[in-house]
């Protein structure tokens, strides 16, 4: 800090000495020294104000000042034909030389933020809203749930169906295997349904990559070229696309995130579909496919049942819910508690009596 003060004092001394030496104002040395001191004080004040200014603002001010001065010089040169002895012309020349650099300085300082690389590059970008492309995979089309998601409006943007995906769907639909044939036809029906939806833009992309053999890799290359996202339910494609920096919308992850949260003690109504592995168990399924194992429900197969959730088990294969029948559990509880007493009575009945003396 002391070094800056020394530099400022030296600068002021040099300006005052120059003013007294040149004497821009005819007269005494005191007037010229006061003038030099005033000029030095003005520049020091400007320096202190610019100390906290952003570099981009300073550069913008200098650039604007230079542009304004250049334009003013060009205008003054262009008016060479005017009478320089005329006071009005002289005033106009002076006004141009003063006003244009001032305007350039002020505008440069205010717009200096545009010298930042990110904003400067944005000047050359297309200002129109960019389309968001959602590229459909073969597996997600055959799955069919994507149609419901699109219909509800949760999947926005332009849906892209590559030509090579259509060829794969057609190949599956023409398969000799009836299961594969039905899956392929189902995928074509899903696409036809999506195309009929109002407000949904579907395009068939002819972009192909002959040097790439696998369909999954073609999808990744197409997503990278369109800056879009792949919509799929294929776990392997999801991982490979993420490794190559392509964003993926996984339908299975969405379904997993929408599963209802069930806590122990809650009451829910389920349909007992079949018997379980353990004795007197019944098995039901929720709408999302979650298995529900119910105790004391074997006799209620084929009927709806109110159960109380006892525990929730999360496994690698999915989630399992365990519960018990609301009506049967309290009634059977006393029998469970009575077993030890019955066992004690049985033991007492079998216990040999002591021999009489």
Foldseek 3Di string as FASTA:
>chain_A
DVVVVVVLVVQLVVQLVVQLVVVPDPDDSVVSSVVSNVVSVVVVVVVVVCPPADPLLVVLLVVLLVVLQVVLVVVVVVVPVDDCVDPVVVVVSVCSNPVSSVVRNVVRNVPSVCPPPVNVVVVPDDPDDAFAEEEEALAVLLVLVVLVCVLVPVDDTAYEYEPVSLVVLVVQLPDPDPVSVVSSVSSVVSVVSSVPRPPYHYDYDDDFDVVDDDPLVRVLVVCVVSVYEYEEQDPVSCVVSVVVPHHYHHPVVVLVVPDDDDDFFDKDKFAFAAADPDPQWTWTADPSGEIEIEHNCHVVHGHIFIWTWHDWDQDPVGIYTYTYGPVPVVVCVVVVVCVVVVVVVVVVVVDDDDDDD
